[in-house]
Amino acid sequence: MFPRISDLINYLFGTDLVIPIQSYGFMLALAFIGGAIVLYSELKRKENIGQIPSQQKKILKGAPATFQELFFTAVFGFLLGWKGIGLILNYATFSQDPQSYILSWSGSIVAGLVLAVGFAGYQFYKKRKERLDPPEWEEVTVHPYQLTGTILLVAAIFGIIGSKIFDTIEHIDDLIRDPLGTLFSFAGLSFYGGLIIAAVAVVWYARQNKIRFPYIADSIAPALILAYAIGRIGCQLAGDGCWGVANLNPMPGWLSFLPEWVWSFQYPHNVIDDGILMPGCGGDHCYILPYPVYPTPLYETLMGLIIFGILMSIRKILKTPGFLFSIYLILNGVERFLIEEVRINKPYEIVGIQVTQAQIIAVALMILGLIGFLYFRWLERKEIRKIRN
């Protein structure tokens, strides 16, 4: 596998680069970029057709810098100096394991303090230079698509929190054995946990900005599934443990035009060092699974892209706001329920039937999708009656 992007580049081009950017993190960044592009375009489209209005907001110009502004600017500067300058001073350590460095107490405290004072000082100077006496209120137009960055930031923060909460619940034994290591690790992120908590946070933020739930839900649906599909590429490249169960069956003849690793794969050099030690391998990530497994991240990427194509092709056809999101919930639930049949995950026993946490949530999403059709149709009729009266 290719724990770092440079591993993939070296494999393809025969180079010997060391770039401290992990494949999973890189694909996660691309996932956010892809989702942002889709969300931006959908919010802009919905404003153009009159579904989401722009807003008039008043901002205070010429006011002095507040304590909150200076505080958060200083905190940002400190973190940038502490970790940013620190990684330059300790590049060798950082390049071997960026995630461990970022989540450790390592860094340059002096650089952090210097940048904290510098950033806060610049913010104070900038506000002082722009100061008016007295300050004036100015009305500005805020378009929905201008909120894309903040929506993604809210989704990212609460998505990570939610994913860790759900994953910790699923692996409570790891939490008991190593509380700090489990909570402050990028490993073991539950997609559905992130989806649920992030969705609640985004809906709350959208309501604060006068965007009705059906419209923000429809805008987010294709962005979510595209981001998920891209993110799963990172899982496949890094070999982060999201693979399937053992697959010792021969490849079917109708798939013979594809490479063998599409059917079964042993994930050599996987990032979690699972399996057996590879002969003659030195350095990091020298393990390979003792038997081939289903490359489920690859399958989820394919299914995610298919769902994305379906949603994008019907988004202008559906007239009832919220229906696109309902279809997303159903298709997403079906996809994850099916993939769990060949994916490694901790099962639960319910009335004699073994199911995984993801399958339970997948069924719940499908049910919510079906209920969504009734709910959003009721909202639409309610709105029509309100207009007529």
Protein backbone atom coordinates (compact mmCIF):
# COMPACT_ATOMS: atom_id res chain seq x y z
CA MET A 1 0.00 0.00 0.00
CA PHE A 2 0.95 3.66 -0.05
CA PRO A 3 0.81 5.19 3.46
CA ARG A 4 2.25 8.45 2.13
CA ILE A 5 1.58 10.16 -1.19
CA SER A 6 5.30 9.99 -1.92
CA ASP A 7 5.06 6.16 -1.71
CA LEU A 8 2.57 6.20 -4.57
CA ILE A 9 4.68 8.66 -6.59
CA ASN A 10 7.81 6.57 -6.03
CA TYR A 11 5.95 3.41 -7.09
CA LEU A 12 4.64 4.98 -10.29
CA PHE A 13 7.73 6.91 -11.36
CA GLY A 14 10.63 5.11 -9.68
CA THR A 15 11.64 8.16 -7.63
CA ASP A 16 12.86 8.29 -4.02
CA LEU A 17 10.89 11.19 -2.57
CA VAL A 18 9.83 11.64 1.07
CA ILE A 19 6.76 13.86 1.26
CA PRO A 20 5.13 13.96 4.73
CA ILE A 21 1.58 13.88 3.41
CA GLN A 22 -0.32 10.71 4.20
CA SER A 23 -2.49 9.20 1.48
CA TYR A 24 -5.58 9.03 3.67
CA GLY A 25 -5.29 12.66 4.74
CA PHE A 26 -4.60 13.77 1.18
CA MET A 27 -7.70 11.99 -0.15
CA LEU A 28 -9.72 13.33 2.76
CA ALA A 29 -8.69 16.84 1.72
CA LEU A 30 -9.70 16.09 -1.88
CA ALA A 31 -13.00 14.74 -0.57
CA PHE A 32 -13.72 18.06 1.15
CA ILE A 33 -12.72 19.99 -1.96
CA GLY A 34 -14.96 17.86 -4.18
CA GLY A 35 -17.86 18.17 -1.75
CA ALA A 36 -17.30 21.93 -1.50
CA ILE A 37 -17.46 22.38 -5.27
CA VAL A 38 -20.73 20.45 -5.52
CA LEU A 39 -22.28 22.21 -2.51
CA TYR A 40 -21.20 25.63 -3.79
CA SER A 41 -22.74 25.01 -7.22
CA GLU A 42 -25.97 23.62 -5.75
CA LEU A 43 -26.45 26.55 -3.36
CA LYS A 44 -25.82 28.95 -6.22
CA ARG A 45 -28.25 27.09 -8.48
CA LYS A 46 -30.96 27.07 -5.82
CA GLU A 47 -30.55 30.80 -5.29
CA ASN A 48 -30.88 31.41 -9.04
CA ILE A 49 -34.16 29.46 -9.22
CA GLY A 50 -35.52 31.23 -6.13
CA GLN A 51 -35.46 28.36 -3.64
CA ILE A 52 -32.90 29.89 -1.27
CA PRO A 53 -32.90 33.68 -0.91
CA SER A 54 -29.89 35.86 -0.22
CA GLN A 55 -29.86 37.82 3.04
CA GLN A 56 -29.24 41.40 4.04
CA LYS A 57 -27.01 41.67 7.07
CA LYS A 58 -25.60 44.62 8.94
CA ILE A 59 -21.93 44.72 9.89
CA LEU A 60 -20.23 47.27 12.10
CA LYS A 61 -17.37 49.02 10.28
CA GLY A 62 -14.66 50.97 12.03
CA ALA A 63 -15.07 49.37 15.47
CA PRO A 64 -11.93 48.64 17.52
CA ALA A 65 -10.71 45.07 17.85
CA THR A 66 -12.66 43.15 20.48
CA PHE A 67 -11.10 40.89 23.10
CA GLN A 68 -12.62 37.83 21.40
CA GLU A 69 -11.07 38.77 18.05
CA LEU A 70 -7.65 39.30 19.57
CA PHE A 71 -7.89 36.11 21.65
CA PHE A 72 -8.84 33.80 18.79
CA THR A 73 -6.31 35.44 16.48
CA ALA A 74 -3.61 34.86 19.10
CA VAL A 75 -4.69 31.23 19.56
CA PHE A 76 -4.50 30.64 15.80
CA GLY A 77 -1.05 32.23 15.67
CA PHE A 78 0.16 30.14 18.60
CA LEU A 79 -1.03 26.88 17.04
CA LEU A 80 0.52 27.81 13.70
CA GLY A 81 3.85 28.64 15.31
CA TRP A 82 3.82 25.78 17.80
CA LYS A 83 3.07 23.08 15.25
CA GLY A 84 4.01 24.76 11.95
CA ILE A 85 7.45 26.05 12.91
CA GLY A 86 7.91 22.99 15.11
CA LEU A 87 7.49 20.59 12.20
CA ILE A 88 10.13 22.51 10.23
CA LEU A 89 12.56 22.22 13.14
CA ASN A 90 11.68 18.52 13.57
CA TYR A 91 11.03 17.62 9.94
CA ALA A 92 12.59 14.15 10.15
CA THR A 93 10.28 13.11 12.98
CA PHE A 94 7.25 14.72 11.35
CA SER A 95 7.84 13.07 7.96
CA GLN A 96 7.80 9.59 9.52
CA ASP A 97 4.46 9.98 11.30
CA PRO A 98 2.65 13.32 10.72
CA GLN A 99 -0.51 12.33 12.60
CA SER A 100 1.37 11.36 15.77
CA TYR A 101 3.30 14.64 15.67
CA ILE A 102 0.16 16.75 15.18
CA LEU A 103 -1.66 15.07 18.07
CA SER A 104 1.35 15.11 20.42
CA TRP A 105 2.66 17.86 22.70
CA SER A 106 5.72 18.26 20.48
CA GLY A 107 6.35 21.64 18.85
CA SER A 108 8.05 25.00 19.30
CA ILE A 109 6.52 26.87 22.25
CA VAL A 110 8.72 29.90 21.59
CA ALA A 111 7.61 30.13 17.94
CA GLY A 112 4.02 29.74 19.08
CA LEU A 113 4.26 32.62 21.52
CA VAL A 114 6.01 34.85 18.97
CA LEU A 115 3.35 34.24 16.31
CA ALA A 116 0.55 34.64 18.88
CA VAL A 117 1.81 38.11 19.80
CA GLY A 118 2.51 38.94 16.15
CA PHE A 119 -0.93 37.88 14.88
CA ALA A 120 -2.78 39.63 17.72
CA GLY A 121 -0.66 42.75 17.25
CA TYR A 122 -1.38 42.85 13.52
CA GLN A 123 -5.11 42.39 14.13
CA PHE A 124 -5.04 45.24 16.65
CA TYR A 125 -3.09 47.48 14.22
CA LYS A 126 -5.40 46.64 11.30
CA LYS A 127 -8.54 47.43 13.29
CA ARG A 128 -7.00 50.63 14.64
CA LYS A 129 -6.09 51.76 11.11
CA GLU A 130 -9.64 51.11 9.86
CA ARG A 131 -11.27 52.69 12.91
CA LEU A 132 -14.07 55.20 12.40
CA ASP A 133 -15.38 57.68 14.93
CA PRO A 134 -18.11 56.80 15.43
CA PRO A 135 -18.29 53.24 13.91
CA GLU A 136 -20.88 52.84 11.15
CA TRP A 137 -23.32 50.05 10.39
CA GLU A 138 -23.21 48.88 6.78
CA GLU A 139 -25.75 46.63 5.08
CA VAL A 140 -24.28 43.86 2.93
CA THR A 141 -25.80 41.06 0.84
CA VAL A 142 -24.85 37.53 1.86
CA HIS A 143 -25.46 34.89 -0.82
CA PRO A 144 -26.07 31.25 0.20
CA TYR A 145 -23.05 29.95 -1.70
CA GLN A 146 -20.83 32.29 0.34
CA LEU A 147 -21.62 30.13 3.36
CA THR A 148 -20.04 27.03 1.79
CA GLY A 149 -16.75 27.35 3.66
CA THR A 150 -18.40 27.74 7.05
CA ILE A 151 -20.82 24.88 6.38
CA LEU A 152 -17.88 22.60 5.55
CA LEU A 153 -15.99 23.74 8.64
CA VAL A 154 -19.01 22.98 10.85
CA ALA A 155 -19.44 19.61 9.14
CA ALA A 156 -15.73 18.77 9.55
CA ILE A 157 -15.51 19.66 13.24
CA PHE A 158 -18.72 17.93 14.31
CA GLY A 159 -18.17 15.09 11.84
CA ILE A 160 -14.84 14.18 13.49
CA ILE A 161 -16.41 14.45 16.95
CA GLY A 162 -19.35 12.27 15.92
CA SER A 163 -17.18 9.70 14.18
CA LYS A 164 -14.97 9.30 17.25
CA ILE A 165 -17.98 9.01 19.57
CA PHE A 166 -19.59 6.24 17.51
CA ASP A 167 -16.32 4.41 16.91
CA THR A 168 -15.50 4.54 20.63
CA ILE A 169 -18.91 3.09 21.45
CA GLU A 170 -18.25 0.27 18.99
CA HIS A 171 -14.76 -0.40 20.44
CA ILE A 172 -15.34 0.32 24.12
CA ASP A 173 -12.67 -2.22 25.09
CA ASP A 174 -10.00 -0.11 23.32
CA LEU A 175 -11.17 2.96 25.25
CA ILE A 176 -10.82 1.15 28.56
CA ARG A 177 -7.35 -0.15 27.67
CA ASP A 178 -5.99 3.15 26.26
CA PRO A 179 -8.34 6.11 26.85
CA LEU A 180 -6.09 8.92 25.58
CA GLY A 181 -4.69 6.91 22.68
CA THR A 182 -8.20 5.98 21.52
CA LEU A 183 -9.73 9.46 21.82
CA PHE A 184 -6.82 11.38 20.27
CA SER A 185 -6.20 9.15 17.29
CA PHE A 186 -7.22 9.60 13.64
CA ALA A 187 -7.61 5.83 13.37
CA GLY A 188 -11.05 4.36 13.78
CA LEU A 189 -13.41 6.99 12.44
CA SER A 190 -17.03 5.88 12.02
CA PHE A 191 -18.55 7.43 8.91
CA TYR A 192 -22.12 7.18 10.13
CA GLY A 193 -21.28 8.71 13.49
CA GLY A 194 -19.77 11.66 11.69
CA LEU A 195 -22.71 11.87 9.29
CA ILE A 196 -25.32 12.01 12.05
CA ILE A 197 -23.62 14.58 14.29
CA ALA A 198 -22.44 16.71 11.36
CA ALA A 199 -25.93 16.70 9.82
CA VAL A 200 -27.49 18.01 13.03
CA ALA A 201 -24.86 20.77 13.28
CA VAL A 202 -25.22 21.80 9.62
CA VAL A 203 -29.02 21.92 9.81
CA TRP A 204 -28.76 24.13 12.91
CA TYR A 205 -26.30 26.46 11.16
CA ALA A 206 -28.46 26.60 8.03
CA ARG A 207 -31.50 27.59 10.09
CA GLN A 208 -29.50 30.41 11.67
CA ASN A 209 -28.96 31.70 8.13
CA LYS A 210 -32.60 31.34 7.03
CA ILE A 211 -32.01 28.28 4.82
CA ARG A 212 -34.88 25.84 5.14
CA PHE A 213 -34.05 22.21 5.94
CA PRO A 214 -35.34 20.62 2.68
CA TYR A 215 -33.17 22.88 0.53
CA ILE A 216 -29.94 22.52 2.49
CA ALA A 217 -30.55 18.75 2.68
CA ASP A 218 -30.94 18.47 -1.11
CA SER A 219 -27.84 20.62 -1.64
CA ILE A 220 -25.71 18.51 0.68
CA ALA A 221 -26.82 15.06 -0.53
CA PRO A 222 -24.72 14.78 -3.73
CA ALA A 223 -21.78 16.51 -2.02
CA LEU A 224 -21.84 13.98 0.82
CA ILE A 225 -21.78 10.89 -1.37
CA LEU A 226 -19.05 12.28 -3.63
CA ALA A 227 -16.89 13.12 -0.61
CA TYR A 228 -17.51 9.63 0.76
CA ALA A 229 -16.48 7.99 -2.51
CA ILE A 230 -13.26 10.01 -2.70
CA GLY A 231 -12.48 9.39 0.97
CA ARG A 232 -12.72 5.63 0.45
CA ILE A 233 -9.92 5.91 -2.13
CA GLY A 234 -7.76 7.05 0.77
CA CYS A 235 -8.76 3.96 2.74
CA GLN A 236 -7.74 1.75 -0.19
CA LEU A 237 -4.42 3.53 -0.78
CA ALA A 238 -3.40 3.54 2.88
CA GLY A 239 -4.80 0.16 3.88
CA ASP A 240 -6.34 1.50 7.08
CA GLY A 241 -8.18 -1.67 8.08
CA CYS A 242 -11.48 -0.93 6.35
CA TRP A 243 -11.07 -4.01 4.18
CA GLY A 244 -13.33 -7.00 3.84
CA VAL A 245 -13.38 -10.57 5.09
CA ALA A 246 -11.12 -13.28 3.70
CA ASN A 247 -11.68 -14.00 0.02
CA LEU A 248 -10.02 -17.25 -1.04
CA ASN A 249 -12.39 -17.80 -3.96
CA PRO A 250 -11.01 -17.67 -7.50
CA MET A 251 -11.88 -14.58 -9.53
CA PRO A 252 -15.04 -15.11 -11.64
CA GLY A 253 -14.48 -15.37 -15.36
CA TRP A 254 -16.64 -12.36 -16.13
CA LEU A 255 -14.17 -10.20 -14.14
CA SER A 256 -11.08 -11.60 -15.86
CA PHE A 257 -10.46 -8.32 -17.72
CA LEU A 258 -9.69 -6.64 -14.35
CA PRO A 259 -6.51 -6.98 -12.27
CA GLU A 260 -6.56 -9.60 -9.51
CA TRP A 261 -6.39 -7.00 -6.71
CA VAL A 262 -9.87 -5.80 -7.63
CA TRP A 263 -11.22 -9.18 -6.51
CA SER A 264 -8.92 -10.02 -3.58
CA PHE A 265 -5.97 -8.22 -2.04
CA GLN A 266 -3.51 -8.70 0.83
CA TYR A 267 -2.78 -5.01 1.50
CA PRO A 268 1.04 -5.08 1.70
CA HIS A 269 2.62 -2.17 3.61
CA ASN A 270 -0.75 -1.34 5.19
CA VAL A 271 -0.67 1.72 7.43
CA ILE A 272 -1.93 -0.08 10.56
CA ASP A 273 0.82 -2.74 10.39
CA ASP A 274 -1.66 -5.62 10.44
CA GLY A 275 -0.74 -9.14 9.35
CA ILE A 276 2.66 -10.79 9.06
CA LEU A 277 6.11 -9.28 8.56
CA MET A 278 7.19 -9.06 4.91
CA PRO A 279 10.55 -10.76 4.23
CA GLY A 280 13.35 -8.35 3.36
CA CYS A 281 11.34 -5.24 4.20
CA GLY A 282 12.95 -2.52 6.32
CA GLY A 283 11.53 0.68 7.74
CA ASP A 284 7.90 1.51 8.42
CA HIS A 285 4.81 -0.45 7.38
CA CYS A 286 6.37 -3.83 6.58
CA TYR A 287 3.29 -5.99 7.17
CA ILE A 288 1.00 -7.85 4.78
CA LEU A 289 -2.22 -9.74 5.47
CA PRO A 290 -1.65 -13.50 5.63
CA TYR A 291 -4.57 -14.10 3.26
CA PRO A 292 -6.35 -12.05 0.57
CA VAL A 293 -9.51 -10.14 1.48
CA TYR A 294 -12.23 -8.26 -0.37
CA PRO A 295 -11.00 -4.70 -1.16
CA THR A 296 -14.24 -3.17 0.12
CA PRO A 297 -13.05 0.49 0.02
CA LEU A 298 -12.69 0.09 -3.73
CA TYR A 299 -16.24 -1.25 -4.01
CA GLU A 300 -17.60 1.60 -1.90
CA THR A 301 -15.87 4.16 -4.09
CA LEU A 302 -17.50 2.63 -7.16
CA MET A 303 -20.95 2.47 -5.57
CA GLY A 304 -20.57 5.98 -4.19
CA LEU A 305 -19.77 7.37 -7.62
CA ILE A 306 -22.79 5.55 -9.09
CA ILE A 307 -25.07 7.06 -6.42
CA PHE A 308 -23.52 10.49 -7.04
CA GLY A 309 -24.27 10.14 -10.75
CA ILE A 310 -27.88 9.17 -10.02
CA LEU A 311 -28.44 12.11 -7.67
CA MET A 312 -26.89 14.63 -10.06
CA SER A 313 -28.95 13.33 -12.97
CA ILE A 314 -32.31 13.60 -11.17
CA ARG A 315 -31.77 16.69 -9.00
CA LYS A 316 -33.42 19.01 -11.54
CA ILE A 317 -36.26 16.59 -12.27
CA LEU A 318 -37.55 16.24 -8.70
CA LYS A 319 -39.92 19.05 -7.83
CA THR A 320 -40.56 18.36 -4.13
CA PRO A 321 -37.82 19.83 -1.90
CA GLY A 322 -36.27 17.12 0.26
CA PHE A 323 -36.97 14.21 -2.08
CA LEU A 324 -33.37 14.15 -3.33
CA PHE A 325 -32.11 13.86 0.24
CA SER A 326 -34.58 11.05 0.93
CA ILE A 327 -33.31 9.14 -2.09
CA TYR A 328 -29.74 9.70 -0.89
CA LEU A 329 -30.59 8.22 2.52
CA ILE A 330 -32.12 5.12 0.96
CA LEU A 331 -29.34 4.52 -1.56
CA ASN A 332 -26.65 5.18 1.02
CA GLY A 333 -28.30 2.80 3.45
CA VAL A 334 -28.60 0.07 0.81
CA GLU A 335 -24.96 0.50 -0.21
CA ARG A 336 -23.59 0.28 3.31
CA PHE A 337 -25.88 -2.59 4.35
CA LEU A 338 -24.70 -4.67 1.40
CA ILE A 339 -21.00 -3.90 1.81
CA GLU A 340 -21.14 -4.89 5.48
CA GLU A 341 -21.85 -8.47 4.34
CA VAL A 342 -18.24 -8.77 3.17
CA ARG A 343 -16.58 -6.15 5.39
CA ILE A 344 -14.81 -6.69 8.70
CA ASN A 345 -16.71 -5.12 11.57
CA LYS A 346 -17.74 -5.98 15.11
CA PRO A 347 -21.17 -7.71 15.00
CA TYR A 348 -24.01 -7.38 17.49
CA GLU A 349 -26.61 -10.08 18.11
CA ILE A 350 -30.22 -8.89 18.01
CA VAL A 351 -32.99 -11.49 18.41
CA GLY A 352 -30.62 -14.16 17.20
CA ILE A 353 -29.45 -12.20 14.13
CA GLN A 354 -25.90 -10.87 13.85
CA VAL A 355 -25.66 -7.32 12.50
CA THR A 356 -23.03 -4.60 12.65
CA GLN A 357 -23.44 -1.07 13.97
CA ALA A 358 -23.25 0.22 10.40
CA GLN A 359 -26.02 -2.14 9.27
CA ILE A 360 -28.28 -1.00 12.11
CA ILE A 361 -27.74 2.63 11.14
CA ALA A 362 -28.07 1.77 7.43
CA VAL A 363 -31.53 0.27 8.05
CA ALA A 364 -32.46 3.35 10.09
CA LEU A 365 -31.35 5.58 7.19
CA MET A 366 -33.46 3.63 4.71
CA ILE A 367 -36.48 3.95 7.00
CA LEU A 368 -35.80 7.68 7.45
CA GLY A 369 -35.57 8.01 3.68
CA LEU A 370 -39.00 6.43 3.24
CA ILE A 371 -40.46 8.60 6.03
CA GLY A 372 -38.78 11.57 4.36
CA PHE A 373 -40.93 11.20 1.26
CA LEU A 374 -44.06 11.56 3.41
CA TYR A 375 -42.62 14.36 5.56
CA PHE A 376 -41.30 16.51 2.72
CA ARG A 377 -44.51 16.00 0.73
CA TRP A 378 -46.48 17.15 3.79
CA LEU A 379 -44.24 20.21 4.11
CA GLU A 380 -44.77 21.06 0.46
CA ARG A 381 -48.56 20.83 0.73
CA LYS A 382 -48.47 22.90 3.92
CA GLU A 383 -46.48 25.59 2.12
CA ILE A 384 -48.91 25.57 -0.82
CA ARG A 385 -51.90 25.99 1.50
CA LYS A 386 -50.12 28.83 3.28
CA ILE A 387 -49.52 30.66 -0.01
CA ARG A 388 -53.12 30.18 -1.16
CA ASN A 389 -54.51 31.50 2.10
